[in-house]
């Protein structure tokens, strides 16, 4: 339900003209890379709690983004993303930014699944965020082929670099790397960091089994 409660988010968005189109890249259910051109609608509106909970929760002023694929291919369902956020979306550029963040969810989910399942991060019970250190970033950049035109060193780039260390070939039509491959890559990256730091500081003593 939306606005005064006599309409819905979908009904409001249906009356809004697209602010523009945007090309996104993603992976389908089989892990294959895909492209889709989306017509983007965005609006700010009052979103109501469910009817049975209106006395318990306040109405919220939120930003809504609907992105519908234009001319989808026959071999898959059309892309239709419906996002709700409390982040500012007052321009087409800001709507595109939020869609790009959403399009990266596979990389983010895989990264944290690897930390949780492969690296057992919950057992370590870190109290600060787990990120790539500067040394790790530098080593990953050295072990990865030169950037392709238009490619940037983002999260997907570094996750792929880790996967390469674990045996991933990163060919065009390869499915995304699994948690075992990424875990192997993180393990090898840890060894590379130890070797790099030992070479950089000859006085460091290495303790073996």
C-alpha atoms as a PDB file:
ATOM      1  CA  UNK A   1       0.000   0.000   0.000  1.00  0.00           C
ATOM      2  CA  UNK A   2       1.158   3.544  -0.719  1.00  0.00           C
ATOM      3  CA  UNK A   3       0.375   7.223  -0.183  1.00  0.00           C
ATOM      4  CA  UNK A   4      -3.030   7.544   1.559  1.00  0.00           C
ATOM      5  CA  UNK A   5      -3.568   3.761   1.588  1.00  0.00           C
ATOM      6  CA  UNK A   6      -6.028   3.751  -1.311  1.00  0.00           C
ATOM      7  CA  UNK A   7      -3.407   2.826  -3.897  1.00  0.00           C
ATOM      8  CA  UNK A   8      -0.340   0.633  -4.234  1.00  0.00           C
ATOM      9  CA  UNK A   9       3.303   1.159  -5.116  1.00  0.00           C
ATOM     10  CA  UNK A  10       2.761  -0.665  -8.424  1.00  0.00           C
ATOM     11  CA  UNK A  11      -0.171   1.564  -9.372  1.00  0.00           C
ATOM     12  CA  UNK A  12       1.765   4.741  -8.631  1.00  0.00           C
ATOM     13  CA  UNK A  13       4.820   3.563 -10.575  1.00  0.00           C
ATOM     14  CA  UNK A  14       2.690   2.539 -13.561  1.00  0.00           C
ATOM     15  CA  UNK A  15       1.754   6.201 -14.039  1.00  0.00           C
ATOM     16  CA  UNK A  16       5.351   7.445 -14.060  1.00  0.00           C
ATOM     17  CA  UNK A  17       7.271   7.885 -17.307  1.00  0.00           C
ATOM     18  CA  UNK A  18      10.747   6.302 -17.516  1.00  0.00           C
ATOM     19  CA  UNK A  19      13.562   8.685 -16.707  1.00  0.00           C
ATOM     20  CA  UNK A  20      15.832   6.947 -19.231  1.00  0.00           C
ATOM     21  CA  UNK A  21      17.382   3.595 -20.083  1.00  0.00           C
ATOM     22  CA  UNK A  22      20.486   1.890 -18.775  1.00  0.00           C
ATOM     23  CA  UNK A  23      22.478  -1.206 -19.742  1.00  0.00           C
ATOM     24  CA  UNK A  24      23.279  -3.650 -16.932  1.00  0.00           C
ATOM     25  CA  UNK A  25      25.420  -6.781 -16.935  1.00  0.00           C
ATOM     26  CA  UNK A  26      24.560  -9.732 -14.741  1.00  0.00           C
ATOM     27  CA  UNK A  27      24.642 -13.549 -14.608  1.00  0.00           C
ATOM     28  CA  UNK A  28      21.655 -15.777 -15.190  1.00  0.00           C
ATOM     29  CA  UNK A  29      20.646 -18.791 -13.095  1.00  0.00           C
ATOM     30  CA  UNK A  30      23.244 -20.913 -14.910  1.00  0.00           C
ATOM     31  CA  UNK A  31      26.000 -18.408 -14.173  1.00  0.00           C
ATOM     32  CA  UNK A  32      26.259 -17.183 -17.764  1.00  0.00           C
ATOM     33  CA  UNK A  33      26.979 -13.475 -18.394  1.00  0.00           C
ATOM     34  CA  UNK A  34      24.001 -11.516 -19.682  1.00  0.00           C
ATOM     35  CA  UNK A  35      23.160  -7.966 -20.717  1.00  0.00           C
ATOM     36  CA  UNK A  36      19.851  -6.152 -20.457  1.00  0.00           C
ATOM     37  CA  UNK A  37      18.704  -2.641 -21.330  1.00  0.00           C
ATOM     38  CA  UNK A  38      16.311  -1.387 -18.689  1.00  0.00           C
ATOM     39  CA  UNK A  39      13.716   1.369 -18.720  1.00  0.00           C
ATOM     40  CA  UNK A  40      14.059   3.071 -15.350  1.00  0.00           C
ATOM     41  CA  UNK A  41      11.255   4.662 -13.352  1.00  0.00           C
ATOM     42  CA  UNK A  42      11.820   6.219  -9.941  1.00  0.00           C
ATOM     43  CA  UNK A  43       9.723   8.123  -7.443  1.00  0.00           C
ATOM     44  CA  UNK A  44       9.514   9.157  -3.803  1.00  0.00           C
ATOM     45  CA  UNK A  45       6.325   8.167  -2.020  1.00  0.00           C
ATOM     46  CA  UNK A  46       4.776   7.275   1.299  1.00  0.00           C
ATOM     47  CA  UNK A  47       4.827   3.505   1.872  1.00  0.00           C
ATOM     48  CA  UNK A  48       2.222   2.178   4.317  1.00  0.00           C
ATOM     49  CA  UNK A  49       2.590  -0.774   6.718  1.00  0.00           C
ATOM     50  CA  UNK A  50       0.465  -3.868   6.021  1.00  0.00           C
ATOM     51  CA  UNK A  51      -3.195  -3.320   6.885  1.00  0.00           C
ATOM     52  CA  UNK A  52      -3.063  -5.443  10.022  1.00  0.00           C
ATOM     53  CA  UNK A  53       0.029  -3.637  11.373  1.00  0.00           C
ATOM     54  CA  UNK A  54      -0.771   0.016  10.712  1.00  0.00           C
ATOM     55  CA  UNK A  55      -1.111   0.800  14.435  1.00  0.00           C
ATOM     56  CA  UNK A  56       2.274  -0.715  15.231  1.00  0.00           C
ATOM     57  CA  UNK A  57       4.408   0.825  12.492  1.00  0.00           C
ATOM     58  CA  UNK A  58       4.748   4.310  11.054  1.00  0.00           C
ATOM     59  CA  UNK A  59       4.361   5.216   7.411  1.00  0.00           C
ATOM     60  CA  UNK A  60       7.725   5.648   5.699  1.00  0.00           C
ATOM     61  CA  UNK A  61       8.798   8.125   3.028  1.00  0.00           C
ATOM     62  CA  UNK A  62      10.905   5.966   0.695  1.00  0.00           C
ATOM     63  CA  UNK A  63      12.431   5.952  -2.778  1.00  0.00           C
ATOM     64  CA  UNK A  64      11.091   3.418  -5.286  1.00  0.00           C
ATOM     65  CA  UNK A  65      12.978   2.235  -8.388  1.00  0.00           C
ATOM     66  CA  UNK A  66      11.418   0.018 -11.038  1.00  0.00           C
ATOM     67  CA  UNK A  67      13.628  -1.206 -13.895  1.00  0.00           C
ATOM     68  CA  UNK A  68      11.998  -3.233 -16.677  1.00  0.00           C
ATOM     69  CA  UNK A  69      13.912  -4.862 -19.519  1.00  0.00           C
ATOM     70  CA  UNK A  70      13.319  -3.588 -23.045  1.00  0.00           C
ATOM     71  CA  UNK A  71      13.129  -6.222 -25.834  1.00  0.00           C
ATOM     72  CA  UNK A  72      14.232  -9.235 -23.712  1.00  0.00           C
ATOM     73  CA  UNK A  73      15.609 -12.318 -25.505  1.00  0.00           C
ATOM     74  CA  UNK A  74      13.494 -15.433 -25.952  1.00  0.00           C
ATOM     75  CA  UNK A  75      15.784 -17.770 -23.995  1.00  0.00           C
ATOM     76  CA  UNK A  76      15.101 -16.254 -20.542  1.00  0.00           C
ATOM     77  CA  UNK A  77      12.510 -14.335 -18.567  1.00  0.00           C
ATOM     78  CA  UNK A  78      12.651 -10.540 -18.866  1.00  0.00           C
ATOM     79  CA  UNK A  79      14.496  -8.687 -16.145  1.00  0.00           C
ATOM     80  CA  UNK A  80      12.261  -6.738 -13.763  1.00  0.00           C
ATOM     81  CA  UNK A  81      13.820  -5.207 -10.671  1.00  0.00           C
ATOM     82  CA  UNK A  82      11.722  -3.462  -8.025  1.00  0.00           C
ATOM     83  CA  UNK A  83      13.837  -1.740  -5.413  1.00  0.00           C
ATOM     84  CA  UNK A  84      12.880   0.207  -2.300  1.00  0.00           C
ATOM     85  CA  UNK A  85      15.467   2.300  -0.466  1.00  0.00           C
ATOM     86  CA  UNK A  86      15.772   5.077   2.082  1.00  0.00           C
ATOM     87  CA  UNK A  87      18.802   6.419   0.181  1.00  0.00           C
ATOM     88  CA  UNK A  88      18.352   9.588  -1.833  1.00  0.00           C
ATOM     89  CA  UNK A  89      17.087   9.041  -5.390  1.00  0.00           C
ATOM     90  CA  UNK A  90      16.108  12.372  -6.900  1.00  0.00           C
ATOM     91  CA  UNK A  91      17.735  11.990 -10.326  1.00  0.00           C
ATOM     92  CA  UNK A  92      18.162   9.428 -13.075  1.00  0.00           C
ATOM     93  CA  UNK A  93      21.884   9.193 -12.248  1.00  0.00           C
ATOM     94  CA  UNK A  94      21.151   8.331  -8.626  1.00  0.00           C
ATOM     95  CA  UNK A  95      18.655   5.667  -9.709  1.00  0.00           C
ATOM     96  CA  UNK A  96      21.282   4.143 -12.015  1.00  0.00           C
ATOM     97  CA  UNK A  97      23.791   4.135  -9.164  1.00  0.00           C
ATOM     98  CA  UNK A  98      21.449   2.096  -6.958  1.00  0.00           C
ATOM     99  CA  UNK A  99      20.780  -0.347  -9.826  1.00  0.00           C
ATOM    100  CA  UNK A 100      24.510  -0.829 -10.346  1.00  0.00           C
ATOM    101  CA  UNK A 101      24.896  -1.609  -6.659  1.00  0.00           C
ATOM    102  CA  UNK A 102      22.090  -4.147  -6.900  1.00  0.00           C
ATOM    103  CA  UNK A 103      23.629  -5.719 -10.021  1.00  0.00           C
ATOM    104  CA  UNK A 104      26.743  -6.512  -7.974  1.00  0.00           C
ATOM    105  CA  UNK A 105      24.861  -8.547  -5.403  1.00  0.00           C
ATOM    106  CA  UNK A 106      26.218 -11.847  -6.823  1.00  0.00           C
ATOM    107  CA  UNK A 107      29.810 -10.793  -6.180  1.00  0.00           C
ATOM    108  CA  UNK A 108      28.988  -9.548  -2.693  1.00  0.00           C
ATOM    109  CA  UNK A 109      26.965 -12.644  -1.761  1.00  0.00           C
ATOM    110  CA  UNK A 110      29.698 -14.967  -3.054  1.00  0.00           C
ATOM    111  CA  UNK A 111      32.381 -13.014  -1.190  1.00  0.00           C
ATOM    112  CA  UNK A 112      30.625 -13.290   2.167  1.00  0.00           C
ATOM    113  CA  UNK A 113      29.547 -16.880   1.562  1.00  0.00           C
ATOM    114  CA  UNK A 114      33.216 -17.703   1.020  1.00  0.00           C
ATOM    115  CA  UNK A 115      34.231 -15.875   4.181  1.00  0.00           C
ATOM    116  CA  UNK A 116      31.524 -17.656   6.159  1.00  0.00           C
ATOM    117  CA  UNK A 117      31.695 -21.180   4.687  1.00  0.00           C
ATOM    118  CA  UNK A 118      35.213 -21.457   3.291  1.00  0.00           C
ATOM    119  CA  UNK A 119      37.210 -19.287   5.669  1.00  0.00           C
ATOM    120  CA  UNK A 120      34.987 -19.947   8.732  1.00  0.00           C
ATOM    121  CA  UNK A 121      34.975 -16.212   9.484  1.00  0.00           C
ATOM    122  CA  UNK A 122      32.250 -16.565  12.132  1.00  0.00           C
ATOM    123  CA  UNK A 123      34.476 -18.895  14.162  1.00  0.00           C
ATOM    124  CA  UNK A 124      37.253 -16.307  14.096  1.00  0.00           C
ATOM    125  CA  UNK A 125      34.813 -13.740  15.528  1.00  0.00           C
ATOM    126  CA  UNK A 126      36.466 -10.655  14.075  1.00  0.00           C
ATOM    127  CA  UNK A 127      35.209  -7.409  15.603  1.00  0.00           C
ATOM    128  CA  UNK A 128      36.120  -5.226  12.602  1.00  0.00           C
ATOM    129  CA  UNK A 129      35.182  -5.465   8.927  1.00  0.00           C
ATOM    130  CA  UNK A 130      37.025  -7.997   6.775  1.00  0.00           C
ATOM    131  CA  UNK A 131      38.535  -6.308   3.718  1.00  0.00           C
ATOM    132  CA  UNK A 132      41.482  -6.704   1.365  1.00  0.00           C
ATOM    133  CA  UNK A 133      44.644  -5.177   2.793  1.00  0.00           C
ATOM    134  CA  UNK A 134      46.863  -2.979   0.600  1.00  0.00           C
ATOM    135  CA  UNK A 135      49.413  -5.786   0.210  1.00  0.00           C
ATOM    136  CA  UNK A 136      46.698  -8.218  -0.877  1.00  0.00           C
ATOM    137  CA  UNK A 137      45.354  -5.749  -3.439  1.00  0.00           C
ATOM    138  CA  UNK A 138      48.833  -5.174  -4.865  1.00  0.00           C
ATOM    139  CA  UNK A 139      49.555  -8.902  -5.134  1.00  0.00           C
ATOM    140  CA  UNK A 140      46.208  -9.619  -6.776  1.00  0.00           C
ATOM    141  CA  UNK A 141      46.857  -6.889  -9.340  1.00  0.00           C
ATOM    142  CA  UNK A 142      50.287  -8.366 -10.128  1.00  0.00           C
ATOM    143  CA  UNK A 143      48.917 -11.874 -10.635  1.00  0.00           C
ATOM    144  CA  UNK A 144      46.054 -10.784 -12.912  1.00  0.00           C
ATOM    145  CA  UNK A 145      46.278 -10.115 -16.681  1.00  0.00           C
ATOM    146  CA  UNK A 146      46.161  -6.522 -17.859  1.00  0.00           C
ATOM    147  CA  UNK A 147      42.809  -4.784 -17.655  1.00  0.00           C
ATOM    148  CA  UNK A 148      40.531  -5.080 -20.680  1.00  0.00           C
ATOM    149  CA  UNK A 149      39.073  -1.913 -22.247  1.00  0.00           C
ATOM    150  CA  UNK A 150      36.392  -0.544 -19.958  1.00  0.00           C
ATOM    151  CA  UNK A 151      37.308  -2.884 -17.078  1.00  0.00           C
ATOM    152  CA  UNK A 152      37.881  -1.412 -13.620  1.00  0.00           C
ATOM    153  CA  UNK A 153      39.450  -2.745 -10.453  1.00  0.00           C
ATOM    154  CA  UNK A 154      36.228  -3.222  -8.508  1.00  0.00           C
ATOM    155  CA  UNK A 155      35.048  -5.970  -6.154  1.00  0.00           C
ATOM    156  CA  UNK A 156      34.296  -8.295  -9.069  1.00  0.00           C
ATOM    157  CA  UNK A 157      37.843  -7.787 -10.402  1.00  0.00           C
ATOM    158  CA  UNK A 158      39.482  -8.738  -7.103  1.00  0.00           C
ATOM    159  CA  UNK A 159      37.152 -11.692  -6.486  1.00  0.00           C
ATOM    160  CA  UNK A 160      38.012 -13.017  -9.942  1.00  0.00           C
ATOM    161  CA  UNK A 161      41.704 -12.513  -9.183  1.00  0.00           C
ATOM    162  CA  UNK A 162      41.309 -14.560  -5.993  1.00  0.00           C
ATOM    163  CA  UNK A 163      39.444 -17.244  -7.945  1.00  0.00           C
ATOM    164  CA  UNK A 164      42.296 -17.414 -10.491  1.00  0.00           C
ATOM    165  CA  UNK A 165      44.674 -18.223  -7.643  1.00  0.00           C
ATOM    166  CA  UNK A 166      42.324 -21.089  -6.757  1.00  0.00           C
ATOM    167  CA  UNK A 167      42.368 -22.512 -10.292  1.00  0.00           C
ATOM    168  CA  UNK A 168      39.531 -20.572 -11.936  1.00  0.00           C
ATOM    169  CA  UNK A 169      40.143 -20.003 -15.670  1.00  0.00           C
ATOM    170  CA  UNK A 170      37.835 -16.984 -15.984  1.00  0.00           C
ATOM    171  CA  UNK A 171      36.893 -17.745 -19.572  1.00  0.00           C
ATOM    172  CA  UNK A 172      34.070 -15.783 -21.159  1.00  0.00           C
ATOM    173  CA  UNK A 173      31.392 -18.469 -20.776  1.00  0.00           C
ATOM    174  CA  UNK A 174      32.617 -20.040 -17.530  1.00  0.00           C
ATOM    175  CA  UNK A 175      30.101 -20.082 -14.673  1.00  0.00           C
ATOM    176  CA  UNK A 176      31.050 -17.971 -11.658  1.00  0.00           C
ATOM    177  CA  UNK A 177      33.592 -19.540  -9.288  1.00  0.00           C
ATOM    178  CA  UNK A 178      32.233 -21.501  -6.356  1.00  0.00           C
ATOM    179  CA  UNK A 179      33.146 -21.182  -2.705  1.00  0.00           C
ATOM    180  CA  UNK A 180      35.706 -24.018  -2.837  1.00  0.00           C
ATOM    181  CA  UNK A 181      37.657 -22.304  -5.636  1.00  0.00           C
ATOM    182  CA  UNK A 182      37.525 -18.981  -3.806  1.00  0.00           C
ATOM    183  CA  UNK A 183      38.571 -20.573  -0.545  1.00  0.00           C
ATOM    184  CA  UNK A 184      41.587 -22.108  -2.292  1.00  0.00           C
ATOM    185  CA  UNK A 185      42.367 -18.705  -3.783  1.00  0.00           C
ATOM    186  CA  UNK A 186      42.189 -16.971  -0.399  1.00  0.00           C
ATOM    187  CA  UNK A 187      44.454 -19.660   1.075  1.00  0.00           C
ATOM    188  CA  UNK A 188      47.018 -19.164  -1.664  1.00  0.00           C
ATOM    189  CA  UNK A 189      46.761 -15.390  -1.324  1.00  0.00           C
ATOM    190  CA  UNK A 190      47.595 -15.724   2.377  1.00  0.00           C
ATOM    191  CA  UNK A 191      50.733 -17.698   1.425  1.00  0.00           C
ATOM    192  CA  UNK A 192      51.711 -15.036  -1.106  1.00  0.00           C
ATOM    193  CA  UNK A 193      51.343 -12.327   1.534  1.00  0.00           C
ATOM    194  CA  UNK A 194      53.573 -14.257   3.949  1.00  0.00           C
ATOM    195  CA  UNK A 195      56.204 -14.719   1.235  1.00  0.00           C
ATOM    196  CA  UNK A 196      56.035 -11.077   0.160  1.00  0.00           C
ATOM    197  CA  UNK A 197      56.385  -9.793   3.707  1.00  0.00           C
ATOM    198  CA  UNK A 198      59.270 -12.172   4.397  1.00  0.00           C
ATOM    199  CA  UNK A 199      61.080 -11.003   1.259  1.00  0.00           C
ATOM    200  CA  UNK A 200      60.452  -7.362   2.140  1.00  0.00           C
ATOM    201  CA  UNK A 201      61.783  -7.824   5.679  1.00  0.00           C
ATOM    202  CA  UNK A 202      64.677 -10.347   5.704  1.00  0.00           C
ATOM    203  CA  UNK A 203      64.851 -10.207   9.515  1.00  0.00           C
ATOM    204  CA  UNK A 204      61.376 -11.718   9.814  1.00  0.00           C
ATOM    205  CA  UNK A 205      61.472 -15.239  11.224  1.00  0.00           C
ATOM    206  CA  UNK A 206      59.143 -17.804   9.670  1.00  0.00           C
ATOM    207  CA  UNK A 207      57.774 -20.490  11.952  1.00  0.00           C
ATOM    208  CA  UNK A 208      57.044 -23.850  10.323  1.00  0.00           C
ATOM    209  CA  UNK A 209      55.451 -27.037  11.546  1.00  0.00           C
END
